Amino acid sequence: MEFRQLQYVLQIAKEQNFSRAAEKLHIAQPSLSQQLSKLEQELGLLLFRRTTNSVEVTPAGQVFIERAQHIMDAVEQLKQEMDDLAQMKRGRLVIGTLPITGSHVLPLVLPAFGKKYPQIEVVLVEETTAKLEQLTISGGTDISFLSLPLIDNTLEWSPFLEEEIWLAVPKSHKLANYKQPVALEMLQDEPFIGLKRGQGFRQITVDLCVKAGFTPKIVFESSNIETIQSLVGGGMGIAFVPQMLARAARSEFAPVYLPLQSKPTRTLIIASRKGRYVSKAAEAFIQTLHETMQLQQNET
């Protein structure tokens, strides 16, 4: 069994097509098929069932793919450790981020990190909470911005910010000039605008309402928090928003932001896969993140 054969099997499984896999691997399709047949003969097992139009992973193939992925991941981590020994003269850091967090935290942190470590290439991956957790677990990101609670308990994490959750209402809303913090129970009959399923803040919205004794009536959904704010500003409903977003919105079309009586909060974290090697570049980014957040809090 050769290392390149592991790469071939993983690429075939990913593409589910020999032609596309061969193209990605920069080899001829007959060579790829020949290498797979050679490996299957050596193992005495079929890894894929081939038909004219599809490639299906067999049960043995599934086991092989899982083990091969672990090996490839270990090789990648070894490369990272060797890069670290080169004292960060070069490197690559893949950061996963939620849309809300990324748009308000990264503009503060990335310039500071880039100034300190110009030799480190930073790649950003923006996804929903559920997809981002899976990417972090599989090694698709080195570290990821997430919020509690997590869906998967195989991640390890550290908090970097706790912020209040506020209520956004249209300027024409009856609560727009309300002088007291708003009780959640007052919102029972209101139309809500929320993020789509799979976003962590969507679940926060639902949980807050359920805790107050009702299920939110979500009339519009969006994957973009800025769209949600615009819909609220246009009078289509109300929404919960993170405090960082409320502070940043200053346009004439922005909603009115109100504190909530129960002072709910969300905790932002940096997560990585439990037991995975954390590179020096990732450690340096996390340190820069904490320093930047502390400086930001001191200024406010």
C-alpha atoms as a PDB file:
ATOM      1  CA  MET A   1       0.000   0.000   0.000  1.00  0.00           C
ATOM      2  CA  GLU A   2       1.381   3.381  -1.004  1.00  0.00           C
ATOM      3  CA  PHE A   3       0.663   6.806   0.471  1.00  0.00           C
ATOM      4  CA  ARG A   4      -0.499   8.153  -2.884  1.00  0.00           C
ATOM      5  CA  GLN A   5      -3.120   5.394  -3.034  1.00  0.00           C
ATOM      6  CA  LEU A   6      -4.685   6.795   0.133  1.00  0.00           C
ATOM      7  CA  GLN A   7      -4.894  10.168  -1.596  1.00  0.00           C
ATOM      8  CA  TYR A   8      -6.480   8.577  -4.649  1.00  0.00           C
ATOM      9  CA  VAL A   9      -9.180   6.771  -2.634  1.00  0.00           C
ATOM     10  CA  LEU A  10     -10.054   9.914  -0.679  1.00  0.00           C
ATOM     11  CA  GLN A  11     -10.333  11.991  -3.839  1.00  0.00           C
ATOM     12  CA  ILE A  12     -12.553   9.407  -5.539  1.00  0.00           C
ATOM     13  CA  ALA A  13     -14.797   9.307  -2.478  1.00  0.00           C
ATOM     14  CA  LYS A  14     -14.978  13.098  -2.415  1.00  0.00           C
ATOM     15  CA  GLU A  15     -15.776  13.523  -6.118  1.00  0.00           C
ATOM     16  CA  GLN A  16     -17.826  10.299  -6.537  1.00  0.00           C
ATOM     17  CA  ASN A  17     -16.568  10.356 -10.096  1.00  0.00           C
ATOM     18  CA  PHE A  18     -13.340   8.944 -11.574  1.00  0.00           C
ATOM     19  CA  SER A  19     -12.922  11.617 -14.244  1.00  0.00           C
ATOM     20  CA  ARG A  20     -13.229  14.525 -11.796  1.00  0.00           C
ATOM     21  CA  ALA A  21     -11.002  12.781  -9.261  1.00  0.00           C
ATOM     22  CA  ALA A  22      -8.319  12.153 -11.878  1.00  0.00           C
ATOM     23  CA  GLU A  23      -8.505  15.789 -12.980  1.00  0.00           C
ATOM     24  CA  LYS A  24      -8.068  17.035  -9.404  1.00  0.00           C
ATOM     25  CA  LEU A  25      -5.162  14.647  -8.860  1.00  0.00           C
ATOM     26  CA  HIS A  26      -3.538  15.666 -12.183  1.00  0.00           C
ATOM     27  CA  ILE A  27      -3.276  12.095 -13.450  1.00  0.00           C
ATOM     28  CA  ALA A  28      -4.904  10.204 -16.312  1.00  0.00           C
ATOM     29  CA  GLN A  29      -8.169   8.426 -15.503  1.00  0.00           C
ATOM     30  CA  PRO A  30      -6.887   4.992 -16.668  1.00  0.00           C
ATOM     31  CA  SER A  31      -3.914   5.362 -14.300  1.00  0.00           C
ATOM     32  CA  LEU A  32      -6.251   6.207 -11.427  1.00  0.00           C
ATOM     33  CA  SER A  33      -8.477   3.187 -12.148  1.00  0.00           C
ATOM     34  CA  GLN A  34      -5.396   0.957 -12.425  1.00  0.00           C
ATOM     35  CA  GLN A  35      -4.032   2.148  -9.062  1.00  0.00           C
ATOM     36  CA  LEU A  36      -7.376   1.569  -7.367  1.00  0.00           C
ATOM     37  CA  SER A  37      -7.676  -1.943  -8.836  1.00  0.00           C
ATOM     38  CA  LYS A  38      -4.137  -2.717  -7.694  1.00  0.00           C
ATOM     39  CA  LEU A  39      -4.978  -1.572  -4.154  1.00  0.00           C
ATOM     40  CA  GLU A  40      -8.241  -3.542  -4.063  1.00  0.00           C
ATOM     41  CA  GLN A  41      -6.432  -6.693  -5.246  1.00  0.00           C
ATOM     42  CA  GLU A  42      -3.835  -6.208  -2.512  1.00  0.00           C
ATOM     43  CA  LEU A  43      -6.549  -5.801   0.111  1.00  0.00           C
ATOM     44  CA  GLY A  44      -8.795  -8.519  -1.268  1.00  0.00           C
ATOM     45  CA  LEU A  45     -11.744  -6.152  -0.938  1.00  0.00           C
ATOM     46  CA  LEU A  46     -13.778  -3.830  -3.110  1.00  0.00           C
ATOM     47  CA  LEU A  47     -13.661  -0.194  -1.928  1.00  0.00           C
ATOM     48  CA  PHE A  48     -16.083   1.159  -4.554  1.00  0.00           C
ATOM     49  CA  ARG A  49     -18.926  -0.243  -6.627  1.00  0.00           C
ATOM     50  CA  ARG A  50     -18.710   1.185 -10.150  1.00  0.00           C
ATOM     51  CA  THR A  51     -21.616   1.659 -12.509  1.00  0.00           C
ATOM     52  CA  THR A  52     -21.848   3.616 -15.735  1.00  0.00           C
ATOM     53  CA  ASN A  53     -23.031   6.784 -14.025  1.00  0.00           C
ATOM     54  CA  SER A  54     -21.965   6.514 -10.394  1.00  0.00           C
ATOM     55  CA  VAL A  55     -19.355   5.451  -7.869  1.00  0.00           C
ATOM     56  CA  GLU A  56     -20.650   4.035  -4.578  1.00  0.00           C
ATOM     57  CA  VAL A  57     -18.534   3.450  -1.473  1.00  0.00           C
ATOM     58  CA  THR A  58     -18.738  -0.110  -0.090  1.00  0.00           C
ATOM     59  CA  PRO A  59     -18.827  -0.820   3.689  1.00  0.00           C
ATOM     60  CA  ALA A  60     -15.153  -1.826   3.498  1.00  0.00           C
ATOM     61  CA  GLY A  61     -14.468   1.346   1.551  1.00  0.00           C
ATOM     62  CA  GLN A  62     -16.078   3.442   4.272  1.00  0.00           C
ATOM     63  CA  VAL A  63     -13.762   1.949   6.909  1.00  0.00           C
ATOM     64  CA  PHE A  64     -10.754   2.480   4.630  1.00  0.00           C
ATOM     65  CA  ILE A  65     -11.728   6.108   3.956  1.00  0.00           C
ATOM     66  CA  GLU A  66     -12.115   6.899   7.655  1.00  0.00           C
ATOM     67  CA  ARG A  67      -8.690   5.440   8.480  1.00  0.00           C
ATOM     68  CA  ALA A  68      -7.062   7.057   5.462  1.00  0.00           C
ATOM     69  CA  GLN A  69      -8.473  10.446   6.466  1.00  0.00           C
ATOM     70  CA  HIS A  70      -6.931  10.054   9.928  1.00  0.00           C
ATOM     71  CA  ILE A  71      -3.568   9.259   8.334  1.00  0.00           C
ATOM     72  CA  MET A  72      -3.754  12.241   5.991  1.00  0.00           C
ATOM     73  CA  ASP A  73      -4.728  14.472   8.877  1.00  0.00           C
ATOM     74  CA  ALA A  74      -1.764  13.225  10.914  1.00  0.00           C
ATOM     75  CA  VAL A  75       0.568  13.942   7.979  1.00  0.00           C
ATOM     76  CA  GLU A  76      -0.857  17.465   7.662  1.00  0.00           C
ATOM     77  CA  GLN A  77      -0.352  18.064  11.383  1.00  0.00           C
ATOM     78  CA  LEU A  78       3.236  16.821  11.093  1.00  0.00           C
ATOM     79  CA  LYS A  79       3.794  19.347   8.296  1.00  0.00           C
ATOM     80  CA  GLN A  80       2.411  22.097  10.529  1.00  0.00           C
ATOM     81  CA  GLU A  81       4.724  21.130  13.370  1.00  0.00           C
ATOM     82  CA  MET A  82       7.703  21.199  11.012  1.00  0.00           C
ATOM     83  CA  ASP A  83       6.634  24.627   9.772  1.00  0.00           C
ATOM     84  CA  ASP A  84       6.560  25.798  13.370  1.00  0.00           C
ATOM     85  CA  LEU A  85      10.141  24.643  13.794  1.00  0.00           C
ATOM     86  CA  ALA A  86      11.006  27.069  11.029  1.00  0.00           C
ATOM     87  CA  GLN A  87      10.005  29.823  13.521  1.00  0.00           C
ATOM     88  CA  MET A  88       6.958  30.884  11.569  1.00  0.00           C
ATOM     89  CA  LYS A  89       8.945  32.050   8.556  1.00  0.00           C
ATOM     90  CA  ARG A  90       6.012  30.806   6.542  1.00  0.00           C
ATOM     91  CA  GLY A  91       2.661  29.281   7.341  1.00  0.00           C
ATOM     92  CA  ARG A  92      -1.024  29.048   6.592  1.00  0.00           C
ATOM     93  CA  LEU A  93      -3.913  29.476   9.018  1.00  0.00           C
ATOM     94  CA  VAL A  94      -7.478  28.468   8.125  1.00  0.00           C
ATOM     95  CA  ILE A  95     -10.038  30.261  10.311  1.00  0.00           C
ATOM     96  CA  GLY A  96     -13.708  29.337  10.351  1.00  0.00           C
ATOM     97  CA  THR A  97     -16.149  32.067  11.238  1.00  0.00           C
ATOM     98  CA  LEU A  98     -19.839  32.718  11.696  1.00  0.00           C
ATOM     99  CA  PRO A  99     -21.115  35.565   9.485  1.00  0.00           C
ATOM    100  CA  ILE A 100     -22.119  37.874  12.365  1.00  0.00           C
ATOM    101  CA  THR A 101     -18.948  37.351  14.358  1.00  0.00           C
ATOM    102  CA  GLY A 102     -16.647  37.498  11.367  1.00  0.00           C
ATOM    103  CA  SER A 103     -18.008  40.764  10.033  1.00  0.00           C
ATOM    104  CA  HIS A 104     -17.530  42.569  13.357  1.00  0.00           C
ATOM    105  CA  VAL A 105     -14.571  40.863  15.050  1.00  0.00           C
ATOM    106  CA  LEU A 106     -12.236  40.021  12.161  1.00  0.00           C
ATOM    107  CA  PRO A 107     -11.847  43.644  10.937  1.00  0.00           C
ATOM    108  CA  LEU A 108     -10.409  44.396  14.378  1.00  0.00           C
ATOM    109  CA  VAL A 109      -8.156  41.343  14.718  1.00  0.00           C
ATOM    110  CA  LEU A 110      -6.824  40.631  11.211  1.00  0.00           C
ATOM    111  CA  PRO A 111      -4.981  43.955  10.730  1.00  0.00           C
ATOM    112  CA  ALA A 112      -3.250  43.544  14.101  1.00  0.00           C
ATOM    113  CA  PHE A 113      -2.324  39.932  13.320  1.00  0.00           C
ATOM    114  CA  GLY A 114      -1.145  40.784   9.796  1.00  0.00           C
ATOM    115  CA  LYS A 115       1.116  43.514  11.146  1.00  0.00           C
ATOM    116  CA  LYS A 116       2.758  41.124  13.621  1.00  0.00           C
ATOM    117  CA  TYR A 117       2.943  38.091  11.327  1.00  0.00           C
ATOM    118  CA  PRO A 118       2.957  39.225   7.680  1.00  0.00           C
ATOM    119  CA  GLN A 119       4.427  35.864   6.627  1.00  0.00           C
ATOM    120  CA  ILE A 120       1.339  33.895   7.708  1.00  0.00           C
ATOM    121  CA  GLU A 121      -1.340  33.380   5.043  1.00  0.00           C
ATOM    122  CA  VAL A 122      -4.828  33.592   6.575  1.00  0.00           C
ATOM    123  CA  VAL A 123      -7.708  31.821   4.836  1.00  0.00           C
ATOM    124  CA  LEU A 124     -11.260  32.544   5.995  1.00  0.00           C
ATOM    125  CA  VAL A 125     -14.118  30.032   5.798  1.00  0.00           C
ATOM    126  CA  GLU A 126     -17.576  31.469   6.512  1.00  0.00           C
ATOM    127  CA  GLU A 127     -20.301  28.921   7.275  1.00  0.00           C
ATOM    128  CA  THR A 128     -23.320  28.173   9.427  1.00  0.00           C
ATOM    129  CA  THR A 129     -22.814  26.891  12.969  1.00  0.00           C
ATOM    130  CA  ALA A 130     -23.551  23.257  12.100  1.00  0.00           C
ATOM    131  CA  LYS A 131     -21.257  23.181   9.044  1.00  0.00           C
ATOM    132  CA  LEU A 132     -18.533  25.073  10.865  1.00  0.00           C
ATOM    133  CA  GLU A 133     -18.503  22.583  13.729  1.00  0.00           C
ATOM    134  CA  GLN A 134     -18.154  19.703  11.254  1.00  0.00           C
ATOM    135  CA  LEU A 135     -15.322  21.481   9.428  1.00  0.00           C
ATOM    136  CA  THR A 136     -13.522  22.058  12.721  1.00  0.00           C
ATOM    137  CA  ILE A 137     -13.921  18.403  13.725  1.00  0.00           C
ATOM    138  CA  SER A 138     -12.706  17.114  10.343  1.00  0.00           C
ATOM    139  CA  GLY A 139      -9.683  19.441  10.227  1.00  0.00           C
ATOM    140  CA  GLY A 140     -11.180  21.683   7.539  1.00  0.00           C
ATOM    141  CA  THR A 141     -10.308  24.662   9.740  1.00  0.00           C
ATOM    142  CA  ASP A 142      -7.495  25.116  12.241  1.00  0.00           C
ATOM    143  CA  ILE A 143      -9.631  27.182  14.613  1.00  0.00           C
ATOM    144  CA  SER A 144     -13.173  28.539  14.377  1.00  0.00           C
ATOM    145  CA  PHE A 145     -15.266  31.356  15.802  1.00  0.00           C
ATOM    146  CA  LEU A 146     -18.402  29.830  17.324  1.00  0.00           C
ATOM    147  CA  SER A 147     -20.906  30.624  20.045  1.00  0.00           C
ATOM    148  CA  LEU A 148     -22.187  28.531  22.942  1.00  0.00           C
ATOM    149  CA  PRO A 149     -23.844  26.115  23.238  1.00  0.00           C
ATOM    150  CA  LEU A 150     -22.021  23.776  20.864  1.00  0.00           C
ATOM    151  CA  ILE A 151     -23.785  20.951  19.084  1.00  0.00           C
ATOM    152  CA  ASP A 152     -20.782  18.602  19.234  1.00  0.00           C
ATOM    153  CA  ASN A 153     -18.908  17.924  22.471  1.00  0.00           C
ATOM    154  CA  THR A 154     -15.725  16.688  20.779  1.00  0.00           C
ATOM    155  CA  LEU A 155     -14.556  20.276  20.333  1.00  0.00           C
ATOM    156  CA  GLU A 156     -12.430  22.088  22.859  1.00  0.00           C
ATOM    157  CA  TRP A 157     -12.835  25.814  23.229  1.00  0.00           C
ATOM    158  CA  SER A 158     -11.985  28.978  25.119  1.00  0.00           C
ATOM    159  CA  PRO A 159     -14.211  32.074  25.477  1.00  0.00           C
ATOM    160  CA  PHE A 160     -13.104  35.452  24.222  1.00  0.00           C
ATOM    161  CA  LEU A 161     -16.211  37.626  24.515  1.00  0.00           C
ATOM    162  CA  GLU A 162     -19.555  37.673  26.298  1.00  0.00           C
ATOM    163  CA  GLU A 163     -22.053  40.194  25.025  1.00  0.00           C
ATOM    164  CA  GLU A 164     -25.656  41.138  25.649  1.00  0.00           C
ATOM    165  CA  ILE A 165     -28.466  40.335  23.255  1.00  0.00           C
ATOM    166  CA  TRP A 166     -30.720  43.265  22.381  1.00  0.00           C
ATOM    167  CA  LEU A 167     -34.063  43.685  20.667  1.00  0.00           C
ATOM    168  CA  ALA A 168     -34.364  45.408  17.284  1.00  0.00           C
ATOM    169  CA  VAL A 169     -37.726  46.992  16.376  1.00  0.00           C
ATOM    170  CA  PRO A 170     -38.876  49.299  13.547  1.00  0.00           C
ATOM    171  CA  LYS A 171     -38.895  53.019  14.314  1.00  0.00           C
ATOM    172  CA  SER A 172     -42.666  52.957  13.903  1.00  0.00           C
ATOM    173  CA  HIS A 173     -43.117  50.173  16.457  1.00  0.00           C
ATOM    174  CA  LYS A 174     -45.018  50.808  19.686  1.00  0.00           C
ATOM    175  CA  LEU A 175     -41.899  49.862  21.684  1.00  0.00           C
ATOM    176  CA  ALA A 176     -39.574  52.186  19.761  1.00  0.00           C
ATOM    177  CA  ASN A 177     -39.798  54.878  22.454  1.00  0.00           C
ATOM    178  CA  TYR A 178     -40.094  52.491  25.381  1.00  0.00           C
ATOM    179  CA  LYS A 179     -37.999  53.834  28.242  1.00  0.00           C
ATOM    180  CA  GLN A 180     -37.544  50.600  30.216  1.00  0.00           C
ATOM    181  CA  PRO A 181     -35.822  47.310  29.366  1.00  0.00           C
ATOM    182  CA  VAL A 182     -38.286  45.119  27.459  1.00  0.00           C
ATOM    183  CA  ALA A 183     -39.695  41.974  29.079  1.00  0.00           C
ATOM    184  CA  LEU A 184     -39.582  38.961  26.762  1.00  0.00           C
ATOM    185  CA  GLU A 185     -43.198  38.137  27.586  1.00  0.00           C
ATOM    186  CA  MET A 186     -44.259  41.365  25.836  1.00  0.00           C
ATOM    187  CA  LEU A 187     -43.109  39.902  22.507  1.00  0.00           C
ATOM    188  CA  GLN A 188     -45.358  36.841  22.425  1.00  0.00           C
ATOM    189  CA  ASP A 189     -47.601  38.037  19.582  1.00  0.00           C
ATOM    190  CA  GLU A 190     -44.903  39.809  17.566  1.00  0.00           C
ATOM    191  CA  PRO A 191     -43.718  38.683  14.108  1.00  0.00           C
ATOM    192  CA  PHE A 192     -40.025  37.734  14.299  1.00  0.00           C
ATOM    193  CA  ILE A 193     -37.370  37.846  11.620  1.00  0.00           C
ATOM    194  CA  GLY A 194     -34.673  35.222  12.192  1.00  0.00           C
ATOM    195  CA  LEU A 195     -31.607  33.610  10.754  1.00  0.00           C
ATOM    196  CA  LYS A 196     -32.081  30.369   8.851  1.00  0.00           C
ATOM    197  CA  ARG A 197     -31.806  26.994  10.559  1.00  0.00           C
ATOM    198  CA  GLY A 198     -28.229  25.877  11.187  1.00  0.00           C
ATOM    199  CA  GLN A 199     -27.176  29.302  12.457  1.00  0.00           C
ATOM    200  CA  GLY A 200     -26.354  29.405  16.168  1.00  0.00           C
ATOM    201  CA  PHE A 201     -28.086  32.723  16.717  1.00  0.00           C
ATOM    202  CA  ARG A 202     -31.315  31.277  15.277  1.00  0.00           C
ATOM    203  CA  GLN A 203     -31.346  28.774  18.132  1.00  0.00           C
ATOM    204  CA  ILE A 204     -30.614  31.524  20.652  1.00  0.00           C
ATOM    205  CA  THR A 205     -33.707  33.395  19.404  1.00  0.00           C
ATOM    206  CA  VAL A 206     -35.914  30.320  19.762  1.00  0.00           C
ATOM    207  CA  ASP A 207     -34.507  29.408  23.183  1.00  0.00           C
ATOM    208  CA  LEU A 208     -35.070  32.903  24.593  1.00  0.00           C
ATOM    209  CA  CYS A 209     -38.712  32.881  23.524  1.00  0.00           C
ATOM    210  CA  VAL A 210     -39.368  29.343  24.747  1.00  0.00           C
ATOM    211  CA  LYS A 211     -37.855  30.246  28.103  1.00  0.00           C
ATOM    212  CA  ALA A 212     -40.358  33.136  28.260  1.00  0.00           C
ATOM    213  CA  GLY A 213     -43.224  30.738  27.593  1.00  0.00           C
ATOM    214  CA  PHE A 214     -43.914  31.021  23.860  1.00  0.00           C
ATOM    215  CA  THR A 215     -42.667  29.907  20.457  1.00  0.00           C
ATOM    216  CA  PRO A 216     -41.566  32.796  18.210  1.00  0.00           C
ATOM    217  CA  LYS A 217     -43.648  33.385  15.084  1.00  0.00           C
ATOM    218  CA  ILE A 218     -40.865  33.694  12.509  1.00  0.00           C
ATOM    219  CA  VAL A 219     -42.330  35.335   9.406  1.00  0.00           C
ATOM    220  CA  PHE A 220     -39.100  35.896   7.445  1.00  0.00           C
ATOM    221  CA  GLU A 221     -35.745  34.109   7.420  1.00  0.00           C
ATOM    222  CA  SER A 222     -32.369  35.138   6.055  1.00  0.00           C
ATOM    223  CA  SER A 223     -28.803  33.842   6.171  1.00  0.00           C
ATOM    224  CA  ASN A 224     -27.549  37.427   6.472  1.00  0.00           C
ATOM    225  CA  ILE A 225     -27.934  39.455   9.670  1.00  0.00           C
ATOM    226  CA  GLU A 226     -27.689  42.700   7.696  1.00  0.00           C
ATOM    227  CA  THR A 227     -30.739  41.643   5.668  1.00  0.00           C
ATOM    228  CA  ILE A 228     -32.568  40.925   8.911  1.00  0.00           C
ATOM    229  CA  GLN A 229     -31.781  44.412  10.182  1.00  0.00           C
ATOM    230  CA  SER A 230     -33.030  45.936   6.929  1.00  0.00           C
ATOM    231  CA  LEU A 231     -36.276  43.969   7.139  1.00  0.00           C
ATOM    232  CA  VAL A 232     -36.771  45.103  10.732  1.00  0.00           C
ATOM    233  CA  GLY A 233     -35.995  48.677   9.717  1.00  0.00           C
ATOM    234  CA  GLY A 234     -38.570  48.340   6.947  1.00  0.00           C
ATOM    235  CA  GLY A 235     -41.264  47.400   9.433  1.00  0.00           C
ATOM    236  CA  MET A 236     -41.546  43.698   8.613  1.00  0.00           C
ATOM    237  CA  GLY A 237     -41.035  42.434  12.154  1.00  0.00           C
ATOM    238  CA  ILE A 238     -38.699  42.401  15.152  1.00  0.00           C
ATOM    239  CA  ALA A 239     -35.480  40.504  15.856  1.00  0.00           C
ATOM    240  CA  PHE A 240     -32.918  39.745  18.521  1.00  0.00           C
ATOM    241  CA  VAL A 241     -29.412  40.959  17.658  1.00  0.00           C
ATOM    242  CA  PRO A 242     -25.973  40.786  19.289  1.00  0.00           C
ATOM    243  CA  GLN A 243     -24.935  43.971  21.051  1.00  0.00           C
ATOM    244  CA  MET A 244     -21.869  44.360  18.811  1.00  0.00           C
ATOM    245  CA  LEU A 245     -24.188  44.641  15.824  1.00  0.00           C
ATOM    246  CA  ALA A 246     -26.456  47.162  17.523  1.00  0.00           C
ATOM    247  CA  ARG A 247     -23.475  49.356  18.352  1.00  0.00           C
ATOM    248  CA  ALA A 248     -22.250  49.279  14.753  1.00  0.00           C
ATOM    249  CA  ALA A 249     -25.545  50.231  13.089  1.00  0.00           C
ATOM    250  CA  ARG A 250     -25.909  53.978  12.681  1.00  0.00           C
ATOM    251  CA  SER A 251     -27.688  54.499   9.332  1.00  0.00           C
ATOM    252  CA  GLU A 252     -31.010  56.307   9.014  1.00  0.00           C
ATOM    253  CA  PHE A 253     -32.609  52.991   7.989  1.00  0.00           C
ATOM    254  CA  ALA A 254     -31.378  51.144  11.076  1.00  0.00           C
ATOM    255  CA  PRO A 255     -33.933  49.772  13.541  1.00  0.00           C
ATOM    256  CA  VAL A 256     -34.278  50.979  17.117  1.00  0.00           C
ATOM    257  CA  TYR A 257     -32.286  48.834  19.547  1.00  0.00           C
ATOM    258  CA  LEU A 258     -33.618  48.154  23.030  1.00  0.00           C
ATOM    259  CA  PRO A 259     -32.154  46.283  26.013  1.00  0.00           C
ATOM    260  CA  LEU A 260     -34.026  43.273  27.358  1.00  0.00           C
ATOM    261  CA  GLN A 261     -35.129  43.023  30.966  1.00  0.00           C
ATOM    262  CA  SER A 262     -33.539  39.616  31.557  1.00  0.00           C
ATOM    263  CA  LYS A 263     -30.190  40.800  30.091  1.00  0.00           C
ATOM    264  CA  PRO A 264     -29.572  37.627  28.048  1.00  0.00           C
ATOM    265  CA  THR A 265     -26.056  37.124  26.697  1.00  0.00           C
ATOM    266  CA  ARG A 266     -24.196  34.991  24.208  1.00  0.00           C
ATOM    267  CA  THR A 267     -20.653  33.704  24.673  1.00  0.00           C
ATOM    268  CA  LEU A 268     -18.278  33.782  21.709  1.00  0.00           C
ATOM    269  CA  ILE A 269     -15.527  31.169  21.648  1.00  0.00           C
ATOM    270  CA  ILE A 270     -12.542  29.979  19.677  1.00  0.00           C
ATOM    271  CA  ALA A 271     -12.885  26.248  19.044  1.00  0.00           C
ATOM    272  CA  SER A 272     -10.595  23.518  17.750  1.00  0.00           C
ATOM    273  CA  ARG A 273     -10.791  19.744  17.533  1.00  0.00           C
ATOM    274  CA  LYS A 274      -9.997  18.042  20.828  1.00  0.00           C
ATOM    275  CA  GLY A 275      -6.567  16.460  20.701  1.00  0.00           C
ATOM    276  CA  ARG A 276      -5.562  18.181  17.462  1.00  0.00           C
ATOM    277  CA  TYR A 277      -2.197  19.895  17.315  1.00  0.00           C
ATOM    278  CA  VAL A 278      -2.655  23.675  17.563  1.00  0.00           C
ATOM    279  CA  SER A 279      -0.032  25.410  15.443  1.00  0.00           C
ATOM    280  CA  LYS A 280       2.032  28.352  16.616  1.00  0.00           C
ATOM    281  CA  ALA A 281       0.246  30.480  14.027  1.00  0.00           C
ATOM    282  CA  ALA A 282      -3.099  29.546  15.595  1.00  0.00           C
ATOM    283  CA  GLU A 283      -1.774  30.237  19.090  1.00  0.00           C
ATOM    284  CA  ALA A 284      -0.466  33.613  17.935  1.00  0.00           C
ATOM    285  CA  PHE A 285      -3.836  34.455  16.384  1.00  0.00           C
ATOM    286  CA  ILE A 286      -5.703  33.522  19.572  1.00  0.00           C
ATOM    287  CA  GLN A 287      -3.340  35.685  21.618  1.00  0.00           C
ATOM    288  CA  THR A 288      -3.830  38.602  19.203  1.00  0.00           C
ATOM    289  CA  LEU A 289      -7.603  38.083  19.418  1.00  0.00           C
ATOM    290  CA  HIS A 290      -7.615  38.322  23.220  1.00  0.00           C
ATOM    291  CA  GLU A 291      -5.345  41.388  23.173  1.00  0.00           C
ATOM    292  CA  THR A 292      -7.531  43.124  20.588  1.00  0.00           C
ATOM    293  CA  MET A 293     -10.769  42.344  22.433  1.00  0.00           C
ATOM    294  CA  GLN A 294      -9.282  43.613  25.703  1.00  0.00           C
ATOM    295  CA  LEU A 295      -8.163  46.835  24.026  1.00  0.00           C
ATOM    296  CA  GLN A 296     -11.602  47.266  22.459  1.00  0.00           C
ATOM    297  CA  GLN A 297     -13.342  46.809  25.816  1.00  0.00           C
ATOM    298  CA  ASN A 298     -11.003  49.322  27.477  1.00  0.00           C
ATOM    299  CA  GLU A 299     -11.834  51.904  24.784  1.00  0.00           C
ATOM    300  CA  THR A 300     -15.588  51.444  25.254  1.00  0.00           C
END
